[in-house]
Amino acid sequence: QVQPVESGGGSVQAGGSLRLSCAASGRTLGGYIMAWFRQAPGKEREFVAGINYTGRYTYYADSVKGRFTIARDNAGNTLYLQLNSLKPEDTAVYYCAASRRGSVESVPSAYDYWGQGTQVTVSS
């Protein structure tokens, strides 16, 4: 099993940037499909970005495409999400998730391990 732990959240003004990190303990991050999800108050958890085992292929929700970048450092056992040009609608708790499946999927049920979440708040 792998135990993801997110960090890097905070409060920023619209147009600002944040970099989220997901550090993995237990099994190494390199053995899992990784993804970021987010959940705003009263909303369903939604897919943000995913990345394959090696980092060669990445996938993004339409709402964040061109603004967010997912990356992984398997040697450092860390997953990242760079959030640029932030908008108030990006406000949510962001979760790191790991999957034992063979490819990136956008549904939460495909992921086996989850972090505790880190809050991102974007003010106008």
Protein backbone atom coordinates (compact mmCIF):
# COMPACT_ATOMS: atom_id res chain seq x y z
CA GLN A 1 0.00 0.00 0.00
CA VAL A 2 0.94 3.63 -0.46
CA GLN A 3 0.09 6.50 1.89
CA PRO A 4 -0.20 9.87 0.12
CA VAL A 5 0.15 13.12 2.09
CA GLU A 6 -0.67 16.46 0.43
CA SER A 7 0.85 19.82 1.22
CA GLY A 8 1.23 23.26 -0.33
CA GLY A 9 -2.31 24.55 -0.15
CA GLY A 10 -3.12 28.05 0.98
CA SER A 11 -4.96 31.27 0.21
CA VAL A 12 -4.13 33.32 -2.86
CA GLN A 13 -5.70 36.07 -4.91
CA ALA A 14 -7.18 35.42 -8.32
CA GLY A 15 -4.46 35.13 -10.92
CA GLY A 16 -1.96 33.79 -8.43
CA SER A 17 -0.19 30.45 -8.28
CA LEU A 18 0.35 27.57 -5.92
CA ARG A 19 2.31 24.36 -6.09
CA LEU A 20 0.84 21.34 -4.37
CA SER A 21 2.93 18.36 -3.39
CA CYS A 22 1.96 14.80 -2.59
CA ALA A 23 4.56 12.83 -0.69
CA ALA A 24 4.16 9.09 -0.60
CA SER A 25 5.10 6.77 2.20
CA GLY A 26 4.94 3.01 2.26
CA ARG A 27 5.29 1.69 -1.28
CA THR A 28 6.93 3.96 -3.80
CA LEU A 29 4.88 6.36 -5.88
CA GLY A 30 6.33 4.94 -9.08
CA GLY A 31 4.21 1.83 -8.79
CA TYR A 32 0.91 3.69 -9.12
CA ILE A 33 -1.17 5.71 -11.51
CA MET A 34 -1.52 9.09 -9.78
CA ALA A 35 -4.12 11.80 -9.94
CA TRP A 36 -5.39 14.96 -8.31
CA PHE A 37 -9.03 15.44 -7.43
CA ARG A 38 -10.76 18.36 -5.78
CA GLN A 39 -13.94 18.85 -3.84
CA ALA A 40 -15.64 22.15 -3.12
CA PRO A 41 -18.19 22.52 -0.31
CA GLY A 42 -21.47 20.94 -1.30
CA LYS A 43 -20.02 19.61 -4.55
CA GLU A 44 -19.03 16.20 -5.85
CA ARG A 45 -15.40 15.21 -5.91
CA GLU A 46 -14.07 15.90 -9.40
CA PHE A 47 -11.07 14.83 -11.42
CA VAL A 48 -8.45 17.52 -11.96
CA ALA A 49 -5.41 15.84 -13.50
CA GLY A 50 -3.84 12.42 -13.87
CA ILE A 51 -0.46 11.02 -14.80
CA ASN A 52 0.77 7.61 -15.86
CA TYR A 53 3.46 5.57 -14.16
CA THR A 54 6.43 7.27 -15.77
CA GLY A 55 5.01 10.76 -16.30
CA ARG A 56 5.01 10.44 -20.07
CA TYR A 57 1.24 10.89 -20.37
CA THR A 58 -0.86 13.46 -18.57
CA TYR A 59 -4.57 14.21 -18.57
CA TYR A 60 -6.50 17.26 -17.47
CA ALA A 61 -10.05 18.31 -16.83
CA ASP A 62 -11.21 20.87 -19.36
CA SER A 63 -11.69 23.40 -16.59
CA VAL A 64 -7.99 23.45 -15.70
CA LYS A 65 -6.33 22.65 -19.01
CA GLY A 66 -3.68 25.21 -19.85
CA ARG A 67 -3.53 26.49 -16.27
CA PHE A 68 -2.54 23.47 -14.17
CA THR A 69 0.36 21.09 -14.68
CA ILE A 70 0.75 17.66 -13.11
CA ALA A 71 4.19 16.12 -12.75
CA ARG A 72 5.83 13.32 -10.84
CA ASP A 73 9.29 12.74 -9.45
CA ASN A 74 9.49 9.01 -8.90
CA ALA A 75 13.04 9.22 -7.57
CA GLY A 76 11.90 11.72 -4.97
CA ASN A 77 8.66 9.81 -4.41
CA THR A 78 6.60 12.95 -4.92
CA LEU A 79 3.67 14.06 -7.07
CA TYR A 80 3.13 17.74 -7.92
CA LEU A 81 0.37 19.95 -9.17
CA GLN A 82 1.30 23.43 -10.36
CA LEU A 83 -1.72 25.71 -10.26
CA ASN A 84 -1.40 28.91 -12.28
CA SER A 85 -3.86 31.65 -13.17
CA LEU A 86 -6.04 30.62 -10.28
CA LYS A 87 -9.71 31.52 -10.28
CA PRO A 88 -12.17 31.69 -7.38
CA GLU A 89 -13.92 28.62 -8.78
CA ASP A 90 -10.73 26.64 -8.16
CA THR A 91 -11.38 26.92 -4.43
CA ALA A 92 -11.61 23.40 -3.03
CA VAL A 93 -9.88 20.75 -1.02
CA TYR A 94 -7.38 19.07 -3.30
CA TYR A 95 -6.69 15.37 -2.89
CA CYS A 96 -3.86 13.19 -4.11
CA ALA A 97 -4.94 9.71 -5.18
CA ALA A 98 -3.15 6.52 -6.21
CA SER A 99 -4.48 3.73 -8.40
CA ARG A 100 -3.28 0.19 -9.01
CA ARG A 101 -4.95 0.15 -12.42
CA GLY A 102 -3.07 0.31 -15.67
CA SER A 103 -4.10 3.74 -16.91
CA VAL A 104 -5.42 7.09 -15.76
CA GLU A 105 -9.14 7.22 -15.08
CA SER A 106 -11.25 10.19 -14.13
CA VAL A 107 -13.61 8.53 -11.66
CA PRO A 108 -12.80 8.50 -7.93
CA SER A 109 -13.76 4.83 -7.63
CA ALA A 110 -10.74 3.86 -9.72
CA TYR A 111 -8.35 5.03 -7.03
CA ASP A 112 -7.32 2.91 -4.08
CA TYR A 113 -5.43 5.29 -1.81
CA TRP A 114 -6.15 8.88 -0.88
CA GLY A 115 -4.44 11.66 1.00
CA GLN A 116 -6.11 13.79 3.64
CA GLY A 117 -6.48 16.78 1.32
CA THR A 118 -5.07 20.29 1.29
CA GLN A 119 -7.18 23.43 1.13
CA VAL A 120 -6.83 25.86 -1.76
CA THR A 121 -8.70 29.14 -1.43
CA VAL A 122 -8.74 31.71 -4.22
CA SER A 123 -10.15 35.14 -3.50
CA SER A 124 -11.37 37.66 -6.05
